Amino acid sequence: MTPEEIMTNEFIDEEAKEEIVKDLDKQIVYLENESLSRAFPDAVRTDPQNRLCIDYQSVVTMLVEALKEQQREIEELRETFEKVKNNK
């Protein structure tokens, strides 16, 4: 929703409208289609009007897999650290 839609929405509590609008900027994440398509071509689709569109489900899946890999690396480093620490 845009700030204008929020402020004119009769179903949103008047006192809450300003807070909601203020929080909008905090919740928006921008990804550039072109740079994303170079890094993760599977996460970008072309719509019928030949525009690039981000497949956010693919992005989330890739991020989850990257986090899993990062966690594995952290655990390996911890194990190595503990071995070195115990050998001293």
PDB file of N, CA and C in Angstrom:
ATOM      1  N   MET A   1       0.840  -1.189   0.000  1.00  0.00           N
ATOM      2  CA  MET A   1       0.000   0.000   0.000  1.00  0.00           C
ATOM      3  C   MET A   1       0.878   1.243   0.000  1.00  0.00           C
ATOM      4  N   THR A   2       0.401   2.249  -0.636  1.00  0.00           N
ATOM      5  CA  THR A   2       1.117   3.519  -0.624  1.00  0.00           C
ATOM      6  C   THR A   2       0.706   4.309   0.615  1.00  0.00           C
ATOM      7  N   PRO A   3       1.505   5.308   1.000  1.00  0.00           N
ATOM      8  CA  PRO A   3       1.115   6.146   2.145  1.00  0.00           C
ATOM      9  C   PRO A   3      -0.255   6.796   1.943  1.00  0.00           C
ATOM     10  N   GLU A   4      -0.535   7.205   0.711  1.00  0.00           N
ATOM     11  CA  GLU A   4      -1.825   7.843   0.427  1.00  0.00           C
ATOM     12  C   GLU A   4      -2.983   6.866   0.646  1.00  0.00           C
ATOM     13  N   GLU A   5      -2.777   5.610   0.226  1.00  0.00           N
ATOM     14  CA  GLU A   5      -3.827   4.606   0.413  1.00  0.00           C
ATOM     15  C   GLU A   5      -4.060   4.327   1.893  1.00  0.00           C
ATOM     16  N   ILE A   6      -2.991   4.321   2.642  1.00  0.00           N
ATOM     17  CA  ILE A   6      -3.125   4.089   4.082  1.00  0.00           C
ATOM     18  C   ILE A   6      -3.867   5.238   4.739  1.00  0.00           C
ATOM     19  N   MET A   7      -3.471   6.463   4.423  1.00  0.00           N
ATOM     20  CA  MET A   7      -4.073   7.630   5.072  1.00  0.00           C
ATOM     21  C   MET A   7      -5.548   7.801   4.723  1.00  0.00           C
ATOM     22  N   THR A   8      -5.970   7.301   3.570  1.00  0.00           N
ATOM     23  CA  THR A   8      -7.381   7.453   3.175  1.00  0.00           C
ATOM     24  C   THR A   8      -8.203   6.195   3.420  1.00  0.00           C
ATOM     25  N   ASN A   9      -7.585   5.160   3.976  1.00  0.00           N
ATOM     26  CA  ASN A   9      -8.287   3.908   4.222  1.00  0.00           C
ATOM     27  C   ASN A   9      -9.167   4.047   5.459  1.00  0.00           C
ATOM     28  N   GLU A  10     -10.444   3.856   5.270  1.00  0.00           N
ATOM     29  CA  GLU A  10     -11.391   4.041   6.376  1.00  0.00           C
ATOM     30  C   GLU A  10     -11.361   2.910   7.396  1.00  0.00           C
ATOM     31  N   PHE A  11     -10.725   1.784   7.045  1.00  0.00           N
ATOM     32  CA  PHE A  11     -10.697   0.637   7.943  1.00  0.00           C
ATOM     33  C   PHE A  11      -9.485   0.631   8.864  1.00  0.00           C
ATOM     34  N   ILE A  12      -8.565   1.553   8.659  1.00  0.00           N
ATOM     35  CA  ILE A  12      -7.387   1.645   9.522  1.00  0.00           C
ATOM     36  C   ILE A  12      -7.634   2.712  10.578  1.00  0.00           C
ATOM     37  N   ASP A  13      -7.330   2.380  11.799  1.00  0.00           N
ATOM     38  CA  ASP A  13      -7.500   3.300  12.918  1.00  0.00           C
ATOM     39  C   ASP A  13      -6.737   4.594  12.656  1.00  0.00           C
ATOM     40  N   GLU A  14      -7.377   5.706  12.881  1.00  0.00           N
ATOM     41  CA  GLU A  14      -6.778   7.016  12.609  1.00  0.00           C
ATOM     42  C   GLU A  14      -5.456   7.215  13.347  1.00  0.00           C
ATOM     43  N   GLU A  15      -5.403   6.774  14.601  1.00  0.00           N
ATOM     44  CA  GLU A  15      -4.186   6.952  15.389  1.00  0.00           C
ATOM     45  C   GLU A  15      -3.040   6.084  14.876  1.00  0.00           C
ATOM     46  N   ALA A  16      -3.359   4.992  14.215  1.00  0.00           N
ATOM     47  CA  ALA A  16      -2.323   4.065  13.745  1.00  0.00           C
ATOM     48  C   ALA A  16      -1.764   4.451  12.378  1.00  0.00           C
ATOM     49  N   LYS A  17      -2.495   5.245  11.627  1.00  0.00           N
ATOM     50  CA  LYS A  17      -2.097   5.553  10.248  1.00  0.00           C
ATOM     51  C   LYS A  17      -0.695   6.150  10.138  1.00  0.00           C
ATOM     52  N   GLU A  18      -0.384   7.140  10.955  1.00  0.00           N
ATOM     53  CA  GLU A  18       0.930   7.790  10.869  1.00  0.00           C
ATOM     54  C   GLU A  18       2.053   6.824  11.199  1.00  0.00           C
ATOM     55  N   GLU A  19       1.846   5.976  12.187  1.00  0.00           N
ATOM     56  CA  GLU A  19       2.868   4.982  12.550  1.00  0.00           C
ATOM     57  C   GLU A  19       3.078   3.983  11.428  1.00  0.00           C
ATOM     58  N   ILE A  20       2.000   3.569  10.803  1.00  0.00           N
ATOM     59  CA  ILE A  20       2.102   2.617   9.693  1.00  0.00           C
ATOM     60  C   ILE A  20       2.882   3.233   8.545  1.00  0.00           C
ATOM     61  N   VAL A  21       2.563   4.460   8.203  1.00  0.00           N
ATOM     62  CA  VAL A  21       3.266   5.140   7.116  1.00  0.00           C
ATOM     63  C   VAL A  21       4.742   5.309   7.459  1.00  0.00           C
ATOM     64  N   LYS A  22       5.041   5.662   8.702  1.00  0.00           N
ATOM     65  CA  LYS A  22       6.422   5.839   9.127  1.00  0.00           C
ATOM     66  C   LYS A  22       7.198   4.518   9.009  1.00  0.00           C
ATOM     67  N   ASP A  23       6.544   3.417   9.305  1.00  0.00           N
ATOM     68  CA  ASP A  23       7.192   2.105   9.250  1.00  0.00           C
ATOM     69  C   ASP A  23       7.341   1.561   7.836  1.00  0.00           C
ATOM     70  N   LEU A  24       6.645   2.130   6.878  1.00  0.00           N
ATOM     71  CA  LEU A  24       6.726   1.630   5.504  1.00  0.00           C
ATOM     72  C   LEU A  24       8.165   1.606   4.993  1.00  0.00           C
ATOM     73  N   ASP A  25       8.910   2.662   5.231  1.00  0.00           N
ATOM     74  CA  ASP A  25      10.285   2.739   4.730  1.00  0.00           C
ATOM     75  C   ASP A  25      11.168   1.661   5.339  1.00  0.00           C
ATOM     76  N   LYS A  26      10.896   1.269   6.545  1.00  0.00           N
ATOM     77  CA  LYS A  26      11.703   0.257   7.212  1.00  0.00           C
ATOM     78  C   LYS A  26      11.474  -1.130   6.626  1.00  0.00           C
ATOM     79  N   GLN A  27      10.326  -1.350   6.024  1.00  0.00           N
ATOM     80  CA  GLN A  27       9.958  -2.680   5.560  1.00  0.00           C
ATOM     81  C   GLN A  27      10.287  -2.924   4.092  1.00  0.00           C
ATOM     82  N   ILE A  28      10.645  -1.910   3.363  1.00  0.00           N
ATOM     83  CA  ILE A  28      10.868  -2.059   1.928  1.00  0.00           C
ATOM     84  C   ILE A  28      12.313  -2.447   1.659  1.00  0.00           C
ATOM     85  N   VAL A  29      12.468  -3.484   0.870  1.00  0.00           N
ATOM     86  CA  VAL A  29      13.792  -3.933   0.453  1.00  0.00           C
ATOM     87  C   VAL A  29      13.825  -3.849  -1.065  1.00  0.00           C
ATOM     88  N   TYR A  30      14.837  -3.202  -1.588  1.00  0.00           N
ATOM     89  CA  TYR A  30      14.955  -3.057  -3.025  1.00  0.00           C
ATOM     90  C   TYR A  30      16.061  -3.949  -3.561  1.00  0.00           C
ATOM     91  N   LEU A  31      15.764  -4.680  -4.599  1.00  0.00           N
ATOM     92  CA  LEU A  31      16.756  -5.470  -5.315  1.00  0.00           C
ATOM     93  C   LEU A  31      16.720  -5.012  -6.764  1.00  0.00           C
ATOM     94  N   GLU A  32      17.877  -4.797  -7.329  1.00  0.00           N
ATOM     95  CA  GLU A  32      17.936  -4.393  -8.724  1.00  0.00           C
ATOM     96  C   GLU A  32      17.863  -5.631  -9.605  1.00  0.00           C
ATOM     97  N   ASN A  33      16.897  -5.647 -10.514  1.00  0.00           N
ATOM     98  CA  ASN A  33      16.693  -6.802 -11.380  1.00  0.00           C
ATOM     99  C   ASN A  33      17.945  -7.166 -12.166  1.00  0.00           C
ATOM    100  N   GLU A  34      18.583  -6.160 -12.746  1.00  0.00           N
ATOM    101  CA  GLU A  34      19.720  -6.439 -13.621  1.00  0.00           C
ATOM    102  C   GLU A  34      20.915  -6.997 -12.864  1.00  0.00           C
ATOM    103  N   SER A  35      21.257  -6.410 -11.716  1.00  0.00           N
ATOM    104  CA  SER A  35      22.392  -6.934 -10.960  1.00  0.00           C
ATOM    105  C   SER A  35      22.068  -8.296 -10.378  1.00  0.00           C
ATOM    106  N   LEU A  36      20.824  -8.499  -9.973  1.00  0.00           N
ATOM    107  CA  LEU A  36      20.413  -9.795  -9.450  1.00  0.00           C
ATOM    108  C   LEU A  36      20.463 -10.850 -10.556  1.00  0.00           C
ATOM    109  N   SER A  37      20.090 -10.479 -11.766  1.00  0.00           N
ATOM    110  CA  SER A  37      20.089 -11.445 -12.863  1.00  0.00           C
ATOM    111  C   SER A  37      21.491 -11.894 -13.220  1.00  0.00           C
ATOM    112  N   ARG A  38      22.494 -11.047 -12.995  1.00  0.00           N
ATOM    113  CA  ARG A  38      23.883 -11.462 -13.238  1.00  0.00           C
ATOM    114  C   ARG A  38      24.360 -12.426 -12.163  1.00  0.00           C
ATOM    115  N   ALA A  39      23.999 -12.163 -10.915  1.00  0.00           N
ATOM    116  CA  ALA A  39      24.455 -12.998  -9.812  1.00  0.00           C
ATOM    117  C   ALA A  39      23.621 -14.276  -9.676  1.00  0.00           C
ATOM    118  N   PHE A  40      22.314 -14.163  -9.838  1.00  0.00           N
ATOM    119  CA  PHE A  40      21.397 -15.287  -9.670  1.00  0.00           C
ATOM    120  C   PHE A  40      20.389 -15.314 -10.819  1.00  0.00           C
ATOM    121  N   PRO A  41      20.804 -15.782 -11.973  1.00  0.00           N
ATOM    122  CA  PRO A  41      19.900 -15.735 -13.138  1.00  0.00           C
ATOM    123  C   PRO A  41      18.586 -16.491 -12.924  1.00  0.00           C
ATOM    124  N   ASP A  42      18.591 -17.520 -12.068  1.00  0.00           N
ATOM    125  CA  ASP A  42      17.357 -18.275 -11.828  1.00  0.00           C
ATOM    126  C   ASP A  42      16.337 -17.491 -11.016  1.00  0.00           C
ATOM    127  N   ALA A  43      16.734 -16.395 -10.416  1.00  0.00           N
ATOM    128  CA  ALA A  43      15.821 -15.619  -9.573  1.00  0.00           C
ATOM    129  C   ALA A  43      15.125 -14.495 -10.339  1.00  0.00           C
ATOM    130  N   VAL A  44      15.431 -14.363 -11.619  1.00  0.00           N
ATOM    131  CA  VAL A  44      14.833 -13.286 -12.407  1.00  0.00           C
ATOM    132  C   VAL A  44      14.067 -13.886 -13.580  1.00  0.00           C
ATOM    133  N   ARG A  45      12.872 -13.407 -13.769  1.00  0.00           N
ATOM    134  CA  ARG A  45      12.023 -13.869 -14.862  1.00  0.00           C
ATOM    135  C   ARG A  45      11.694 -12.687 -15.764  1.00  0.00           C
ATOM    136  N   THR A  46      11.279 -13.004 -16.971  1.00  0.00           N
ATOM    137  CA  THR A  46      10.815 -11.976 -17.900  1.00  0.00           C
ATOM    138  C   THR A  46       9.311 -12.139 -18.051  1.00  0.00           C
ATOM    139  N   ASP A  47       8.574 -11.050 -17.827  1.00  0.00           N
ATOM    140  CA  ASP A  47       7.117 -11.131 -17.928  1.00  0.00           C
ATOM    141  C   ASP A  47       6.678 -10.973 -19.388  1.00  0.00           C
ATOM    142  N   PRO A  48       5.377 -11.121 -19.666  1.00  0.00           N
ATOM    143  CA  PRO A  48       4.895 -11.020 -21.058  1.00  0.00           C
ATOM    144  C   PRO A  48       5.198  -9.674 -21.733  1.00  0.00           C
ATOM    145  N   GLN A  49       5.402  -8.626 -20.929  1.00  0.00           N
ATOM    146  CA  GLN A  49       5.744  -7.318 -21.503  1.00  0.00           C
ATOM    147  C   GLN A  49       7.259  -7.156 -21.647  1.00  0.00           C
ATOM    148  N   ASN A  50       7.992  -8.258 -21.482  1.00  0.00           N
ATOM    149  CA  ASN A  50       9.448  -8.290 -21.618  1.00  0.00           C
ATOM    150  C   ASN A  50      10.167  -7.472 -20.538  1.00  0.00           C
ATOM    151  N   ARG A  51       9.560  -7.385 -19.349  1.00  0.00           N
ATOM    152  CA  ARG A  51      10.177  -6.703 -18.216  1.00  0.00           C
ATOM    153  C   ARG A  51      10.797  -7.749 -17.301  1.00  0.00           C
ATOM    154  N   LEU A  52      11.902  -7.385 -16.661  1.00  0.00           N
ATOM    155  CA  LEU A  52      12.526  -8.282 -15.693  1.00  0.00           C
ATOM    156  C   LEU A  52      11.756  -8.230 -14.381  1.00  0.00           C
ATOM    157  N   CYS A  53      11.449  -9.394 -13.829  1.00  0.00           N
ATOM    158  CA  CYS A  53      10.728  -9.490 -12.562  1.00  0.00           C
ATOM    159  C   CYS A  53      11.500 -10.416 -11.636  1.00  0.00           C
ATOM    160  N   ILE A  54      11.558 -10.055 -10.384  1.00  0.00           N
ATOM    161  CA  ILE A  54      12.266 -10.866  -9.397  1.00  0.00           C
ATOM    162  C   ILE A  54      11.340 -11.950  -8.869  1.00  0.00           C
ATOM    163  N   ASP A  55      11.838 -13.183  -8.877  1.00  0.00           N
ATOM    164  CA  ASP A  55      11.125 -14.308  -8.281  1.00  0.00           C
ATOM    165  C   ASP A  55      11.617 -14.406  -6.844  1.00  0.00           C
ATOM    166  N   TYR A  56      10.902 -13.765  -5.924  1.00  0.00           N
ATOM    167  CA  TYR A  56      11.346 -13.673  -4.533  1.00  0.00           C
ATOM    168  C   TYR A  56      11.431 -15.039  -3.858  1.00  0.00           C
ATOM    169  N   GLN A  57      10.594 -15.988  -4.272  1.00  0.00           N
ATOM    170  CA  GLN A  57      10.681 -17.326  -3.689  1.00  0.00           C
ATOM    171  C   GLN A  57      12.044 -17.943  -4.003  1.00  0.00           C
ATOM    172  N   SER A  58      12.532 -17.737  -5.222  1.00  0.00           N
ATOM    173  CA  SER A  58      13.860 -18.240  -5.583  1.00  0.00           C
ATOM    174  C   SER A  58      14.946 -17.542  -4.780  1.00  0.00           C
ATOM    175  N   VAL A  59      14.805 -16.252  -4.581  1.00  0.00           N
ATOM    176  CA  VAL A  59      15.788 -15.500  -3.804  1.00  0.00           C
ATOM    177  C   VAL A  59      15.829 -16.019  -2.371  1.00  0.00           C
ATOM    178  N   VAL A  60      14.663 -16.229  -1.782  1.00  0.00           N
ATOM    179  CA  VAL A  60      14.600 -16.730  -0.406  1.00  0.00           C
ATOM    180  C   VAL A  60      15.245 -18.110  -0.327  1.00  0.00           C
ATOM    181  N   THR A  61      14.944 -18.972  -1.278  1.00  0.00           N
ATOM    182  CA  THR A  61      15.526 -20.312  -1.293  1.00  0.00           C
ATOM    183  C   THR A  61      17.045 -20.239  -1.364  1.00  0.00           C
ATOM    184  N   MET A  62      17.564 -19.387  -2.241  1.00  0.00           N
ATOM    185  CA  MET A  62      19.024 -19.241  -2.364  1.00  0.00           C
ATOM    186  C   MET A  62      19.644 -18.690  -1.089  1.00  0.00           C
ATOM    187  N   LEU A  63      18.973 -17.743  -0.455  1.00  0.00           N
ATOM    188  CA  LEU A  63      19.490 -17.177   0.790  1.00  0.00           C
ATOM    189  C   LEU A  63      19.510 -18.209   1.908  1.00  0.00           C
ATOM    190  N   VAL A  64      18.480 -19.027   1.981  1.00  0.00           N
ATOM    191  CA  VAL A  64      18.438 -20.075   3.004  1.00  0.00           C
ATOM    192  C   VAL A  64      19.585 -21.053   2.786  1.00  0.00           C
ATOM    193  N   GLU A  65      19.812 -21.451   1.545  1.00  0.00           N
ATOM    194  CA  GLU A  65      20.912 -22.374   1.248  1.00  0.00           C
ATOM    195  C   GLU A  65      22.261 -21.740   1.563  1.00  0.00           C
ATOM    196  N   ALA A  66      22.408 -20.451   1.269  1.00  0.00           N
ATOM    197  CA  ALA A  66      23.660 -19.753   1.578  1.00  0.00           C
ATOM    198  C   ALA A  66      23.886 -19.696   3.090  1.00  0.00           C
ATOM    199  N   LEU A  67      22.823 -19.469   3.853  1.00  0.00           N
ATOM    200  CA  LEU A  67      22.935 -19.446   5.315  1.00  0.00           C
ATOM    201  C   LEU A  67      23.317 -20.817   5.863  1.00  0.00           C
ATOM    202  N   LYS A  68      22.761 -21.872   5.282  1.00  0.00           N
ATOM    203  CA  LYS A  68      23.125 -23.227   5.712  1.00  0.00           C
ATOM    204  C   LYS A  68      24.612 -23.481   5.470  1.00  0.00           C
ATOM    205  N   GLU A  69      25.095 -23.096   4.294  1.00  0.00           N
ATOM    206  CA  GLU A  69      26.509 -23.273   3.971  1.00  0.00           C
ATOM    207  C   GLU A  69      27.383 -22.459   4.918  1.00  0.00           C
ATOM    208  N   GLN A  70      26.970 -21.233   5.187  1.00  0.00           N
ATOM    209  CA  GLN A  70      27.721 -20.385   6.105  1.00  0.00           C
ATOM    210  C   GLN A  70      27.770 -21.015   7.497  1.00  0.00           C
ATOM    211  N   GLN A  71      26.662 -21.575   7.935  1.00  0.00           N
ATOM    212  CA  GLN A  71      26.623 -22.212   9.253  1.00  0.00           C
ATOM    213  C   GLN A  71      27.553 -23.419   9.293  1.00  0.00           C
ATOM    214  N   ARG A  72      27.596 -24.207   8.218  1.00  0.00           N
ATOM    215  CA  ARG A  72      28.519 -25.346   8.164  1.00  0.00           C
ATOM    216  C   ARG A  72      29.967 -24.879   8.286  1.00  0.00           C
ATOM    217  N   GLU A  73      30.294 -23.793   7.593  1.00  0.00           N
ATOM    218  CA  GLU A  73      31.649 -23.251   7.663  1.00  0.00           C
ATOM    219  C   GLU A  73      31.979 -22.754   9.073  1.00  0.00           C
ATOM    220  N   ILE A  74      31.020 -22.106   9.716  1.00  0.00           N
ATOM    221  CA  ILE A  74      31.228 -21.625  11.085  1.00  0.00           C
ATOM    222  C   ILE A  74      31.494 -22.806  12.017  1.00  0.00           C
ATOM    223  N   GLU A  75      30.723 -23.862  11.871  1.00  0.00           N
ATOM    224  CA  GLU A  75      30.906 -25.038  12.722  1.00  0.00           C
ATOM    225  C   GLU A  75      32.272 -25.683  12.482  1.00  0.00           C
ATOM    226  N   GLU A  76      32.713 -25.748  11.224  1.00  0.00           N
ATOM    227  CA  GLU A  76      34.037 -26.287  10.925  1.00  0.00           C
ATOM    228  C   GLU A  76      35.128 -25.435  11.574  1.00  0.00           C
ATOM    229  N   LEU A  77      34.984 -24.129  11.488  1.00  0.00           N
ATOM    230  CA  LEU A  77      35.965 -23.235  12.096  1.00  0.00           C
ATOM    231  C   LEU A  77      35.982 -23.376  13.616  1.00  0.00           C
ATOM    232  N   ARG A  78      34.812 -23.538  14.219  1.00  0.00           N
ATOM    233  CA  ARG A  78      34.753 -23.745  15.670  1.00  0.00           C
ATOM    234  C   ARG A  78      35.475 -25.028  16.066  1.00  0.00           C
ATOM    235  N   GLU A  79      35.243 -26.091  15.309  1.00  0.00           N
ATOM    236  CA  GLU A  79      35.902 -27.363  15.588  1.00  0.00           C
ATOM    237  C   GLU A  79      37.416 -27.219  15.472  1.00  0.00           C
ATOM    238  N   THR A  80      37.862 -26.552  14.426  1.00  0.00           N
ATOM    239  CA  THR A  80      39.298 -26.335  14.232  1.00  0.00           C
ATOM    240  C   THR A  80      39.868 -25.510  15.378  1.00  0.00           C
ATOM    241  N   PHE A  81      39.164 -24.474  15.755  1.00  0.00           N
ATOM    242  CA  PHE A  81      39.601 -23.621  16.858  1.00  0.00           C
ATOM    243  C   PHE A  81      39.715 -24.423  18.152  1.00  0.00           C
ATOM    244  N   GLU A  82      38.708 -25.241  18.436  1.00  0.00           N
ATOM    245  CA  GLU A  82      38.727 -26.049  19.659  1.00  0.00           C
ATOM    246  C   GLU A  82      39.894 -27.035  19.650  1.00  0.00           C
ATOM    247  N   LYS A  83      40.184 -27.633  18.519  1.00  0.00           N
ATOM    248  CA  LYS A  83      41.323 -28.562  18.417  1.00  0.00           C
ATOM    249  C   LYS A  83      42.635 -27.836  18.692  1.00  0.00           C
ATOM    250  N   VAL A  84      42.804 -26.673  18.078  1.00  0.00           N
ATOM    251  CA  VAL A  84      44.027 -25.897  18.273  1.00  0.00           C
ATOM    252  C   VAL A  84      44.131 -25.444  19.727  1.00  0.00           C
ATOM    253  N   LYS A  85      43.033 -24.989  20.284  1.00  0.00           N
ATOM    254  CA  LYS A  85      42.999 -24.507  21.669  1.00  0.00           C
ATOM    255  C   LYS A  85      43.341 -25.638  22.647  1.00  0.00           C
ATOM    256  N   ASN A  86      42.837 -26.824  22.405  1.00  0.00           N
ATOM    257  CA  ASN A  86      43.077 -27.961  23.295  1.00  0.00           C
ATOM    258  C   ASN A  86      44.485 -28.530  23.161  1.00  0.00           C
ATOM    259  N   ASN A  87      45.156 -28.284  22.067  1.00  0.00           N
ATOM    260  CA  ASN A  87      46.518 -28.786  21.856  1.00  0.00           C
ATOM    261  C   ASN A  87      47.566 -27.881  22.485  1.00  0.00           C
ATOM    262  N   LYS A  88      47.203 -26.745  22.964  1.00  0.00           N
ATOM    263  CA  LYS A  88      48.178 -25.817  23.565  1.00  0.00           C
ATOM    264  C   LYS A  88      48.394 -26.122  25.008  1.00  0.00           C
TER     265      LYS A  88
END
